[in-house]
Amino acid sequence: MTSWQGRNVTVAGLGVSGVSAARALAGLGAAVTVVDGGDGETHRARAAELADSGMSVRLGDAETLPEGTDLVVTSPGWKPSSPLFAAAAAAGVDVVGDVEIAWRLRGPDAAPWLAITGTNGKTTTTQMLASILAAAGLRTAAVGNIGTPIVDVVLEGDDAYDVLAVELSSYQLHWAPSLRAHSAAVLNLAPDHLDWHGSMEAYAADKGRIYEGNQVACVYNVADKATEDLVREADVEEGCRAIGFTLNAPAPSQLGVVDGILVDRAFVPDRQKQAQELAEVADVSPPAPHNIANALAAAGLARAFGVQATAVREGLRAFRPDAHRIEHIADVDGVAYIDDSKATNTHAAQASLAAYESIVWVAGGLAKGATFDELVAGAAARLRGVVLIGADRALIREALARHAPEVPVVDLDRTDTGAMSEAVRQAARLARPGDTVLMAPACASMDMFTNYNKRGDAFAAAVRELGASA
């Protein structure tokens, strides 16, 4: 464990992970200065709390390196191009993130990490994994990018947990050079956060850091060759295995699906001739294709840790996804209404659209530089109609005109609080019994809502309003 006594550490950012790291390092004897470019009421309140604990806080200046700094600890969202980091590099000062700090704070007998990343599905898979581990009787927690600061968990002590299910973003992996997981999974790779990383190649490389130094298994997506390429490029411990997951029948050293059964041909005595039944597709909630893939990835990591097949089944049965992730809101007049507000990019929306046969699609928001031709072309045959909302809806409308010109489109040119209610009413008008009204926006929400949760809440409220009037 690193000695922090007397070290001059600058923490960049007053968010949850920044405050967690600052408190932890100050408690270990470091002289901590926290910097943040904001200077609003919330910033000042947090600054006052940290100052009361003996830390220095500088608001309104996120660019100047405090004098005497010998380490910078950054919050995940700060771009590598930030002036503060350029100043640190010029001064020969390392920059690391909260995950790196947590890794350095671990004791010699700390719980192993089962780590998960990917463009989409990270949180669901991490929660599934934690549910499986708990069903096996193991002391565990879902931590990291999922919301619980991993520094706080590590400081509970080496004997607090048997194993941790750790969700990691590309941002966190970028700043965690020492991380060496027991086993890890990359669920999928699609263009995202390229403004932060600079290129798809850089984004993929940061995702691939999760495999470095793996001890037992590198779990990859057979349907996404880029994830297997990352395994091939990783420097792992001798004996570490590449374990694939697939929605098809698995080959040796893979997990997959056979006749509605999730099976394991990776962690069995004879991989050439044997397969272990783990669970039924019906045990996965919801049983959408991409969610079954999430379950297989979680099962792969759990099996790499030695978990029995019965615990995989029990854990998947016990798991319930968070709100706004393919969440069934209600059936109204024979039409199912599904909230997948968490589908904030085209890759996530593509998976969601693939789960249903006849869809009235509610889409739109902030595109974040995305294009929609591939998404629309792939889903065209499933679309009964489309209702468009949000600032960049024209981009989707144009893609629909090119690839699904026969599909009816309602373009809502309004961003007021009643816009979602109007969107749901228009979707209901387009839908027929047996259809699914699916809100999978393929865009960020901040043009109309505070976050995707608020957007999903508005959709659910509108559906309930529709049901009450039916």
Protein backbone atom coordinates (compact mmCIF):
# COMPACT_ATOMS: atom_id res chain seq x y z
CA MET A 1 0.00 0.00 0.00
CA THR A 2 1.29 3.45 -0.94
CA SER A 3 2.28 5.81 1.90
CA TRP A 4 0.34 9.08 1.67
CA GLN A 5 1.64 10.83 4.77
CA GLY A 6 2.78 14.35 3.89
CA ARG A 7 2.20 14.06 0.14
CA ASN A 8 0.86 17.15 -1.64
CA VAL A 9 -2.10 15.93 -3.67
CA THR A 10 -4.33 18.01 -5.91
CA VAL A 11 -7.79 16.58 -6.55
CA ALA A 12 -9.49 17.82 -9.72
CA GLY A 13 -13.24 18.09 -9.36
CA LEU A 14 -15.82 18.43 -6.59
CA GLY A 15 -18.04 15.60 -7.83
CA VAL A 16 -18.82 12.39 -5.97
CA SER A 17 -15.60 10.59 -6.89
CA GLY A 18 -13.45 13.69 -6.32
CA VAL A 19 -14.83 14.32 -2.85
CA SER A 20 -14.46 10.62 -2.00
CA ALA A 21 -10.80 10.58 -3.07
CA ALA A 22 -10.08 13.87 -1.30
CA ARG A 23 -11.52 12.67 2.00
CA ALA A 24 -9.73 9.33 1.76
CA LEU A 25 -6.30 10.81 1.06
CA ALA A 26 -6.64 13.54 3.65
CA GLY A 27 -7.56 10.85 6.17
CA LEU A 28 -4.35 9.02 5.30
CA GLY A 29 -2.22 12.08 5.99
CA ALA A 30 -1.93 13.73 2.58
CA ALA A 31 -2.07 17.50 2.21
CA VAL A 32 -5.03 17.82 -0.16
CA THR A 33 -6.01 20.74 -2.37
CA VAL A 34 -9.25 20.42 -4.37
CA VAL A 35 -9.72 22.53 -7.50
CA ASP A 36 -12.85 23.08 -9.56
CA GLY A 37 -13.76 25.55 -12.28
CA GLY A 38 -17.25 26.04 -10.85
CA ASP A 39 -18.14 28.59 -8.19
CA GLY A 40 -21.85 28.10 -7.69
CA GLU A 41 -23.86 27.49 -4.54
CA THR A 42 -23.40 23.71 -4.62
CA HIS A 43 -19.65 24.08 -5.19
CA ARG A 44 -19.33 26.45 -2.25
CA ALA A 45 -21.28 24.18 0.06
CA ARG A 46 -19.08 21.21 -0.75
CA ALA A 47 -15.96 23.36 -0.50
CA ALA A 48 -16.97 24.50 2.97
CA GLU A 49 -17.41 20.90 4.12
CA LEU A 50 -13.96 19.94 2.85
CA ALA A 51 -12.37 23.06 4.34
CA ASP A 52 -13.86 22.11 7.72
CA SER A 53 -11.94 18.84 7.39
CA GLY A 54 -8.66 20.67 6.88
CA MET A 55 -8.42 20.61 3.10
CA SER A 56 -7.72 23.54 0.82
CA VAL A 57 -10.29 24.25 -1.89
CA ARG A 58 -9.87 26.53 -4.90
CA LEU A 59 -12.97 27.39 -6.90
CA GLY A 60 -13.23 29.17 -10.24
CA ASP A 61 -9.79 28.07 -11.45
CA ALA A 62 -9.44 24.60 -12.95
CA GLU A 63 -6.34 25.35 -15.00
CA THR A 64 -3.51 26.35 -12.65
CA LEU A 65 -1.51 23.65 -10.88
CA PRO A 66 -1.23 24.43 -7.15
CA GLU A 67 2.35 25.01 -6.07
CA GLY A 68 4.10 21.99 -4.57
CA THR A 69 1.74 19.39 -6.06
CA ASP A 70 3.38 15.98 -6.42
CA LEU A 71 0.28 14.05 -7.63
CA VAL A 72 -2.97 14.99 -9.37
CA VAL A 73 -6.07 12.86 -8.81
CA THR A 74 -8.71 13.59 -11.43
CA SER A 75 -12.43 13.02 -11.52
CA PRO A 76 -13.42 10.78 -14.48
CA GLY A 77 -15.02 13.42 -16.68
CA TRP A 78 -12.03 15.75 -16.96
CA LYS A 79 -10.55 15.55 -20.46
CA PRO A 80 -6.90 14.53 -20.89
CA SER A 81 -6.41 17.83 -22.75
CA SER A 82 -7.34 19.91 -19.68
CA PRO A 83 -4.84 22.74 -19.02
CA LEU A 84 -4.34 21.50 -15.46
CA PHE A 85 -2.97 18.22 -16.77
CA ALA A 86 -0.73 19.97 -19.27
CA ALA A 87 0.70 21.96 -16.36
CA ALA A 88 1.16 18.74 -14.40
CA ALA A 89 3.00 17.10 -17.31
CA ALA A 90 5.27 20.14 -17.65
CA ALA A 91 6.09 19.85 -13.95
CA GLY A 92 6.69 16.10 -14.14
CA VAL A 93 3.66 15.34 -11.96
CA ASP A 94 1.61 12.17 -12.54
CA VAL A 95 -2.15 12.29 -13.11
CA VAL A 96 -4.30 9.36 -11.97
CA GLY A 97 -7.99 8.73 -11.28
CA ASP A 98 -10.06 7.52 -8.34
CA VAL A 99 -9.90 3.90 -9.54
CA GLU A 100 -6.10 4.03 -9.52
CA ILE A 101 -6.19 5.46 -5.99
CA ALA A 102 -8.54 2.68 -4.87
CA TRP A 103 -6.23 0.08 -6.39
CA ARG A 104 -3.23 1.55 -4.57
CA LEU A 105 -5.17 1.66 -1.29
CA ARG A 106 -5.92 -2.05 -1.34
CA GLY A 107 -4.22 -4.18 1.23
CA PRO A 108 -2.43 -7.48 0.54
CA ASP A 109 -5.56 -9.54 1.30
CA ALA A 110 -8.10 -7.30 -0.44
CA ALA A 111 -11.09 -8.72 -2.29
CA PRO A 112 -10.41 -9.52 -5.98
CA TRP A 113 -12.07 -7.35 -8.63
CA LEU A 114 -14.30 -8.71 -11.38
CA ALA A 115 -14.35 -5.75 -13.77
CA ILE A 116 -16.81 -4.78 -16.49
CA THR A 117 -16.77 -2.15 -19.23
CA GLY A 118 -18.34 -1.60 -22.64
CA THR A 119 -20.19 1.08 -24.54
CA ASN A 120 -23.58 -0.19 -23.32
CA GLY A 121 -24.86 -2.60 -20.69
CA LYS A 122 -22.19 -1.99 -18.03
CA THR A 123 -24.49 -1.16 -15.13
CA THR A 124 -26.97 -3.95 -15.82
CA THR A 125 -24.21 -6.54 -16.19
CA THR A 126 -22.46 -5.37 -13.02
CA GLN A 127 -25.71 -5.62 -11.07
CA MET A 128 -26.40 -9.06 -12.53
CA LEU A 129 -22.93 -10.18 -11.51
CA ALA A 130 -23.38 -8.87 -7.96
CA SER A 131 -26.72 -10.71 -7.74
CA ILE A 132 -25.10 -13.97 -8.86
CA LEU A 133 -22.20 -13.57 -6.44
CA ALA A 134 -24.61 -12.86 -3.58
CA ALA A 135 -26.66 -15.94 -4.53
CA ALA A 136 -23.43 -17.93 -4.15
CA GLY A 137 -23.17 -16.72 -0.55
CA LEU A 138 -20.30 -14.35 -1.24
CA ARG A 139 -19.95 -10.94 0.41
CA THR A 140 -19.95 -8.56 -2.52
CA ALA A 141 -20.98 -5.12 -3.77
CA ALA A 142 -21.55 -3.45 -7.13
CA VAL A 143 -19.16 -0.50 -7.17
CA GLY A 144 -17.29 2.00 -9.34
CA ASN A 145 -18.99 3.85 -12.18
CA ILE A 146 -22.27 2.37 -10.99
CA GLY A 147 -22.51 5.05 -8.30
CA THR A 148 -20.75 3.77 -5.17
CA PRO A 149 -17.24 5.29 -5.09
CA ILE A 150 -14.78 2.45 -5.13
CA VAL A 151 -12.38 4.33 -2.85
CA ASP A 152 -15.01 4.28 -0.09
CA VAL A 153 -15.51 0.54 -0.49
CA VAL A 154 -11.79 -0.26 -0.43
CA LEU A 155 -11.37 1.74 2.77
CA GLU A 156 -13.84 -0.56 4.53
CA GLY A 157 -10.92 -2.98 4.84
CA ASP A 158 -9.55 -6.13 3.24
CA ASP A 159 -11.93 -8.40 5.16
CA ALA A 160 -15.16 -6.54 4.32
CA TYR A 161 -15.83 -8.37 1.02
CA ASP A 162 -14.99 -11.64 -0.69
CA VAL A 163 -15.14 -10.20 -4.21
CA LEU A 164 -16.22 -6.94 -5.88
CA ALA A 165 -18.26 -6.41 -9.06
CA VAL A 166 -16.65 -3.29 -10.54
CA GLU A 167 -18.15 -1.18 -13.33
CA LEU A 168 -15.51 0.92 -15.08
CA SER A 169 -15.96 3.66 -17.68
CA SER A 170 -13.45 4.44 -20.40
CA TYR A 171 -12.65 7.64 -18.49
CA GLN A 172 -11.79 5.71 -15.34
CA LEU A 173 -9.72 3.15 -17.22
CA HIS A 174 -7.72 5.91 -18.93
CA TRP A 175 -6.46 7.08 -15.54
CA ALA A 176 -5.88 3.62 -13.94
CA PRO A 177 -2.53 2.31 -15.20
CA SER A 178 -1.92 -0.12 -12.31
CA LEU A 179 -5.28 -1.91 -12.35
CA ARG A 180 -4.97 -5.71 -12.54
CA ALA A 181 -8.32 -7.48 -12.23
CA HIS A 182 -8.97 -11.11 -11.37
CA SER A 183 -11.10 -11.30 -14.53
CA ALA A 184 -12.71 -8.69 -16.77
CA ALA A 185 -15.24 -8.26 -19.57
CA VAL A 186 -15.65 -5.81 -22.44
CA LEU A 187 -19.30 -6.13 -23.45
CA ASN A 188 -19.23 -4.24 -26.75
CA LEU A 189 -17.57 -1.34 -28.54
CA ALA A 190 -19.26 1.42 -30.53
CA PRO A 191 -18.32 5.06 -31.12
CA ASP A 192 -18.98 7.08 -27.97
CA HIS A 193 -17.27 9.87 -26.03
CA LEU A 194 -14.99 10.50 -28.99
CA ASP A 195 -14.81 14.19 -28.09
CA TRP A 196 -13.11 13.11 -24.85
CA HIS A 197 -10.84 10.40 -26.23
CA GLY A 198 -10.03 12.05 -29.55
CA SER A 199 -10.58 8.98 -31.75
CA MET A 200 -12.22 5.58 -31.85
CA GLU A 201 -8.80 3.98 -31.61
CA ALA A 202 -8.02 5.85 -28.39
CA TYR A 203 -11.45 5.02 -26.97
CA ALA A 204 -10.98 1.30 -27.71
CA ALA A 205 -7.47 1.33 -26.25
CA ASP A 206 -8.76 2.78 -22.99
CA LYS A 207 -11.51 0.16 -22.84
CA GLY A 208 -8.88 -2.52 -23.47
CA ARG A 209 -6.91 -1.46 -20.40
CA ILE A 210 -9.39 -3.49 -18.35
CA TYR A 211 -7.78 -6.72 -19.62
CA GLU A 212 -4.22 -5.78 -18.68
CA GLY A 213 -2.80 -8.17 -16.10
CA ASN A 214 -5.97 -10.29 -15.84
CA GLN A 215 -5.35 -13.42 -13.82
CA VAL A 216 -8.05 -15.92 -14.77
CA ALA A 217 -10.33 -14.83 -17.64
CA CYS A 218 -10.78 -12.14 -20.29
CA VAL A 219 -14.46 -12.30 -21.24
CA TYR A 220 -15.32 -10.95 -24.70
CA ASN A 221 -18.31 -10.67 -27.05
CA VAL A 222 -18.10 -13.18 -29.91
CA ALA A 223 -20.43 -10.97 -31.99
CA ASP A 224 -18.16 -7.94 -31.57
CA LYS A 225 -14.74 -8.76 -32.98
CA ALA A 226 -13.25 -5.55 -31.58
CA THR A 227 -13.63 -6.94 -28.06
CA GLU A 228 -11.76 -10.13 -29.00
CA ASP A 229 -9.03 -8.02 -30.61
CA LEU A 230 -8.56 -6.23 -27.29
CA VAL A 231 -8.06 -9.59 -25.58
CA ARG A 232 -5.42 -10.57 -28.13
CA GLU A 233 -3.57 -7.32 -27.55
CA ALA A 234 -3.63 -7.52 -23.73
CA ASP A 235 -0.66 -8.50 -21.61
CA VAL A 236 -2.19 -10.97 -19.14
CA GLU A 237 -0.87 -13.35 -16.52
CA GLU A 238 0.21 -16.77 -17.68
CA GLY A 239 -2.73 -19.16 -17.80
CA CYS A 240 -5.38 -16.44 -18.19
CA ARG A 241 -8.01 -17.60 -20.69
CA ALA A 242 -10.07 -15.90 -23.40
CA ILE A 243 -13.74 -16.67 -22.73
CA GLY A 244 -16.36 -15.72 -25.32
CA PHE A 245 -20.10 -15.20 -24.90
CA THR A 246 -22.59 -15.57 -27.75
CA LEU A 247 -26.34 -15.68 -28.34
CA ASN A 248 -25.72 -18.76 -30.49
CA ALA A 249 -24.62 -22.26 -29.53
CA PRO A 250 -21.23 -21.88 -27.83
CA ALA A 251 -17.95 -23.32 -29.05
CA PRO A 252 -15.44 -24.64 -26.49
CA SER A 253 -14.31 -21.89 -24.08
CA GLN A 254 -17.56 -19.98 -24.66
CA LEU A 255 -20.91 -19.41 -22.97
CA GLY A 256 -24.01 -19.30 -25.17
CA VAL A 257 -27.62 -20.26 -25.75
CA VAL A 258 -29.02 -23.63 -26.85
CA ASP A 259 -32.79 -24.17 -27.16
CA GLY A 260 -33.63 -21.40 -24.71
CA ILE A 261 -30.97 -22.48 -22.19
CA LEU A 262 -27.89 -20.48 -21.13
CA VAL A 263 -25.00 -22.94 -21.19
CA ASP A 264 -21.32 -22.95 -20.25
CA ARG A 265 -18.67 -24.71 -22.36
CA ALA A 266 -15.82 -22.78 -20.76
CA PHE A 267 -15.67 -23.82 -17.10
CA VAL A 268 -16.40 -27.54 -17.40
CA PRO A 269 -13.99 -30.47 -17.14
CA ASP A 270 -14.20 -31.41 -20.84
CA ARG A 271 -14.91 -28.34 -22.99
CA GLN A 272 -14.94 -30.39 -26.19
CA LYS A 273 -17.75 -32.71 -25.13
CA GLN A 274 -19.50 -31.13 -22.14
CA ALA A 275 -21.77 -28.16 -21.49
CA GLN A 276 -23.20 -27.02 -18.16
CA GLU A 277 -26.75 -25.66 -18.01
CA LEU A 278 -26.75 -22.33 -16.15
CA ALA A 279 -30.25 -20.87 -16.51
CA GLU A 280 -33.15 -20.46 -18.89
CA VAL A 281 -33.64 -17.43 -21.10
CA ALA A 282 -36.87 -16.91 -19.17
CA ASP A 283 -34.78 -16.39 -16.00
CA VAL A 284 -33.37 -13.18 -17.51
CA SER A 285 -35.42 -10.02 -16.95
CA PRO A 286 -36.20 -8.68 -19.48
CA PRO A 287 -35.27 -11.47 -21.95
CA ALA A 288 -34.28 -9.07 -24.75
CA PRO A 289 -31.32 -10.29 -26.84
CA HIS A 290 -28.84 -7.71 -25.58
CA ASN A 291 -29.88 -8.39 -21.99
CA ILE A 292 -29.30 -12.12 -22.48
CA ALA A 293 -25.81 -11.18 -23.69
CA ASN A 294 -25.35 -9.15 -20.49
CA ALA A 295 -26.40 -12.18 -18.45
CA LEU A 296 -23.92 -14.42 -20.25
CA ALA A 297 -21.09 -11.95 -19.61
CA ALA A 298 -21.99 -11.76 -15.93
CA ALA A 299 -22.19 -15.54 -15.75
CA GLY A 300 -18.78 -15.84 -17.42
CA LEU A 301 -17.14 -13.64 -14.80
CA ALA A 302 -18.91 -15.44 -11.96
CA ARG A 303 -17.87 -18.85 -13.30
CA ALA A 304 -14.29 -17.58 -13.65
CA PHE A 305 -14.44 -16.90 -9.91
CA GLY A 306 -15.63 -20.45 -9.23
CA VAL A 307 -19.33 -19.81 -8.70
CA GLN A 308 -21.59 -22.84 -9.09
CA ALA A 309 -24.18 -23.04 -11.88
CA THR A 310 -27.09 -23.06 -9.41
CA ALA A 311 -26.04 -19.63 -8.12
CA VAL A 312 -26.04 -18.24 -11.67
CA ARG A 313 -29.66 -19.28 -12.08
CA GLU A 314 -30.69 -17.98 -8.65
CA GLY A 315 -28.85 -14.70 -9.13
CA LEU A 316 -30.40 -14.03 -12.54
CA ARG A 317 -33.87 -14.85 -11.24
CA ALA A 318 -33.41 -12.45 -8.33
CA PHE A 319 -32.11 -9.58 -10.47
CA ARG A 320 -34.34 -6.69 -11.46
CA PRO A 321 -32.99 -3.97 -13.77
CA ASP A 322 -32.94 -0.30 -12.80
CA ALA A 323 -35.64 2.01 -14.05
CA HIS A 324 -35.49 3.31 -17.64
CA ARG A 325 -33.74 0.21 -18.99
CA ILE A 326 -36.27 -1.58 -21.22
CA GLU A 327 -38.79 -1.01 -18.45
CA HIS A 328 -42.35 -2.14 -19.16
CA ILE A 329 -44.59 0.72 -18.02
CA ALA A 330 -48.07 -0.50 -18.94
CA ASP A 331 -50.29 -2.09 -21.55
CA VAL A 332 -52.96 0.26 -22.90
CA ASP A 333 -55.56 -0.98 -25.40
CA GLY A 334 -53.39 -3.97 -26.29
CA VAL A 335 -50.24 -1.90 -26.85
CA ALA A 336 -47.13 -2.32 -24.65
CA TYR A 337 -45.30 0.86 -23.59
CA ILE A 338 -41.58 0.42 -22.92
CA ASP A 339 -39.23 3.01 -21.38
CA ASP A 340 -35.61 2.64 -22.51
CA SER A 341 -34.60 6.24 -21.85
CA LYS A 342 -31.14 4.92 -20.94
CA ALA A 343 -30.62 4.24 -24.67
CA THR A 344 -28.75 7.52 -25.11
CA ASN A 345 -26.73 6.49 -28.18
CA THR A 346 -27.38 4.62 -31.41
CA HIS A 347 -25.71 1.40 -30.26
CA ALA A 348 -28.03 1.12 -27.26
CA ALA A 349 -31.08 2.02 -29.33
CA GLN A 350 -30.17 -0.60 -31.92
CA ALA A 351 -30.17 -3.32 -29.25
CA SER A 352 -33.49 -2.09 -27.89
CA LEU A 353 -35.19 -1.94 -31.28
CA ALA A 354 -34.03 -5.49 -32.02
CA ALA A 355 -36.02 -6.78 -29.05
CA TYR A 356 -39.48 -6.11 -30.52
CA GLU A 357 -41.27 -7.07 -33.73
CA SER A 358 -43.67 -4.16 -34.42
CA ILE A 359 -42.67 -0.82 -32.97
CA VAL A 360 -43.84 2.75 -32.72
CA TRP A 361 -40.54 4.39 -31.94
CA VAL A 362 -40.23 7.54 -29.81
CA ALA A 363 -36.79 9.00 -30.54
CA GLY A 364 -34.67 12.13 -30.56
CA GLY A 365 -32.77 14.54 -28.33
CA LEU A 366 -29.12 15.60 -28.48
CA ALA A 367 -27.29 13.54 -31.09
CA LYS A 368 -23.76 14.21 -29.74
CA GLY A 369 -22.40 14.00 -33.28
CA ALA A 370 -24.04 10.67 -34.06
CA THR A 371 -25.44 9.61 -37.43
CA PHE A 372 -28.55 7.47 -37.75
CA ASP A 373 -28.52 5.81 -41.19
CA GLU A 374 -27.28 2.43 -39.99
CA LEU A 375 -29.67 2.40 -37.04
CA VAL A 376 -32.72 3.28 -39.14
CA ALA A 377 -31.84 0.91 -41.98
CA GLY A 378 -31.51 -1.98 -39.55
CA ALA A 379 -34.80 -1.27 -37.79
CA ALA A 380 -36.94 -0.18 -40.78
CA ALA A 381 -38.79 -3.48 -41.15
CA ARG A 382 -39.90 -3.34 -37.50
CA LEU A 383 -41.25 0.21 -37.51
CA ARG A 384 -45.01 0.81 -37.49
CA GLY A 385 -44.41 4.53 -36.97
CA VAL A 386 -42.06 7.06 -35.43
CA VAL A 387 -42.57 10.06 -33.15
CA LEU A 388 -39.62 12.46 -33.08
CA ILE A 389 -38.77 14.86 -30.27
CA GLY A 390 -35.79 16.99 -29.30
CA ALA A 391 -33.21 19.32 -30.74
CA ASP A 392 -31.60 16.99 -33.28
CA ARG A 393 -34.72 15.11 -34.43
CA ALA A 394 -34.15 16.31 -38.02
CA LEU A 395 -31.13 14.01 -38.29
CA ILE A 396 -33.32 10.99 -37.55
CA ARG A 397 -36.11 12.28 -39.80
CA GLU A 398 -33.66 12.55 -42.71
CA ALA A 399 -32.37 9.02 -42.10
CA LEU A 400 -35.97 7.76 -42.03
CA ALA A 401 -36.67 9.49 -45.36
CA ARG A 402 -33.68 7.69 -46.88
CA HIS A 403 -34.18 4.21 -45.42
CA ALA A 404 -37.82 3.91 -44.31
CA PRO A 405 -39.81 6.32 -46.48
CA GLU A 406 -43.08 4.38 -46.05
CA VAL A 407 -43.05 4.64 -42.25
CA PRO A 408 -45.36 7.37 -40.84
CA VAL A 409 -43.42 10.03 -38.93
CA VAL A 410 -44.75 12.60 -36.45
CA ASP A 411 -42.27 15.45 -35.95
CA LEU A 412 -43.00 17.34 -32.71
CA ASP A 413 -41.59 20.84 -32.85
CA ARG A 414 -41.88 21.61 -29.15
CA THR A 415 -39.68 21.26 -26.07
CA ASP A 416 -42.08 22.38 -23.32
CA THR A 417 -43.08 20.23 -20.36
CA GLY A 418 -46.08 18.84 -22.22
CA ALA A 419 -44.07 17.59 -25.18
CA MET A 420 -43.70 14.04 -23.88
CA SER A 421 -47.43 13.73 -23.22
CA GLU A 422 -48.06 14.78 -26.81
CA ALA A 423 -45.44 12.28 -28.03
CA VAL A 424 -47.16 9.43 -26.20
CA ARG A 425 -50.59 10.45 -27.51
CA GLN A 426 -49.25 10.53 -31.07
CA ALA A 427 -47.55 7.15 -30.59
CA ALA A 428 -50.84 5.68 -29.32
CA ARG A 429 -52.58 6.99 -32.43
CA LEU A 430 -50.06 5.20 -34.66
CA ALA A 431 -50.02 1.93 -32.70
CA ARG A 432 -52.22 -1.13 -33.20
CA PRO A 433 -52.98 -3.94 -30.71
CA GLY A 434 -49.90 -6.15 -30.38
CA ASP A 435 -47.49 -3.29 -31.12
CA THR A 436 -44.86 -1.88 -28.76
CA VAL A 437 -44.44 1.84 -28.19
CA LEU A 438 -40.73 2.04 -27.46
CA MET A 439 -38.96 5.12 -26.19
CA ALA A 440 -35.35 4.39 -27.09
CA PRO A 441 -34.21 7.92 -28.01
CA ALA A 442 -30.71 7.14 -29.39
CA CYS A 443 -29.81 10.60 -28.09
CA ALA A 444 -28.90 12.38 -24.88
CA SER A 445 -31.67 14.10 -22.95
CA MET A 446 -30.26 17.46 -21.86
CA ASP A 447 -32.00 19.50 -24.56
CA MET A 448 -35.34 18.91 -22.84
CA PHE A 449 -34.65 17.16 -19.53
CA THR A 450 -32.10 17.26 -16.71
CA ASN A 451 -31.06 13.67 -17.44
CA TYR A 452 -32.32 10.42 -18.95
CA ASN A 453 -34.07 9.54 -15.67
CA LYS A 454 -36.27 12.65 -15.88
CA ARG A 455 -37.01 11.87 -19.52
CA GLY A 456 -38.07 8.35 -18.59
CA ASP A 457 -40.18 9.63 -15.71
CA ALA A 458 -41.98 11.98 -18.11
CA PHE A 459 -42.67 9.11 -20.51
CA ALA A 460 -44.00 6.88 -17.72
CA ALA A 461 -46.23 9.67 -16.41
CA ALA A 462 -47.60 10.26 -19.92
CA VAL A 463 -48.34 6.56 -20.38
CA ARG A 464 -50.20 6.40 -17.06
CA GLU A 465 -52.15 9.49 -18.06
CA LEU A 466 -53.04 7.77 -21.33
CA GLY A 467 -54.14 4.65 -19.47
CA ALA A 468 -56.33 6.62 -17.11
CA SER A 469 -58.18 8.19 -20.03
CA ALA A 470 -58.52 4.96 -22.02
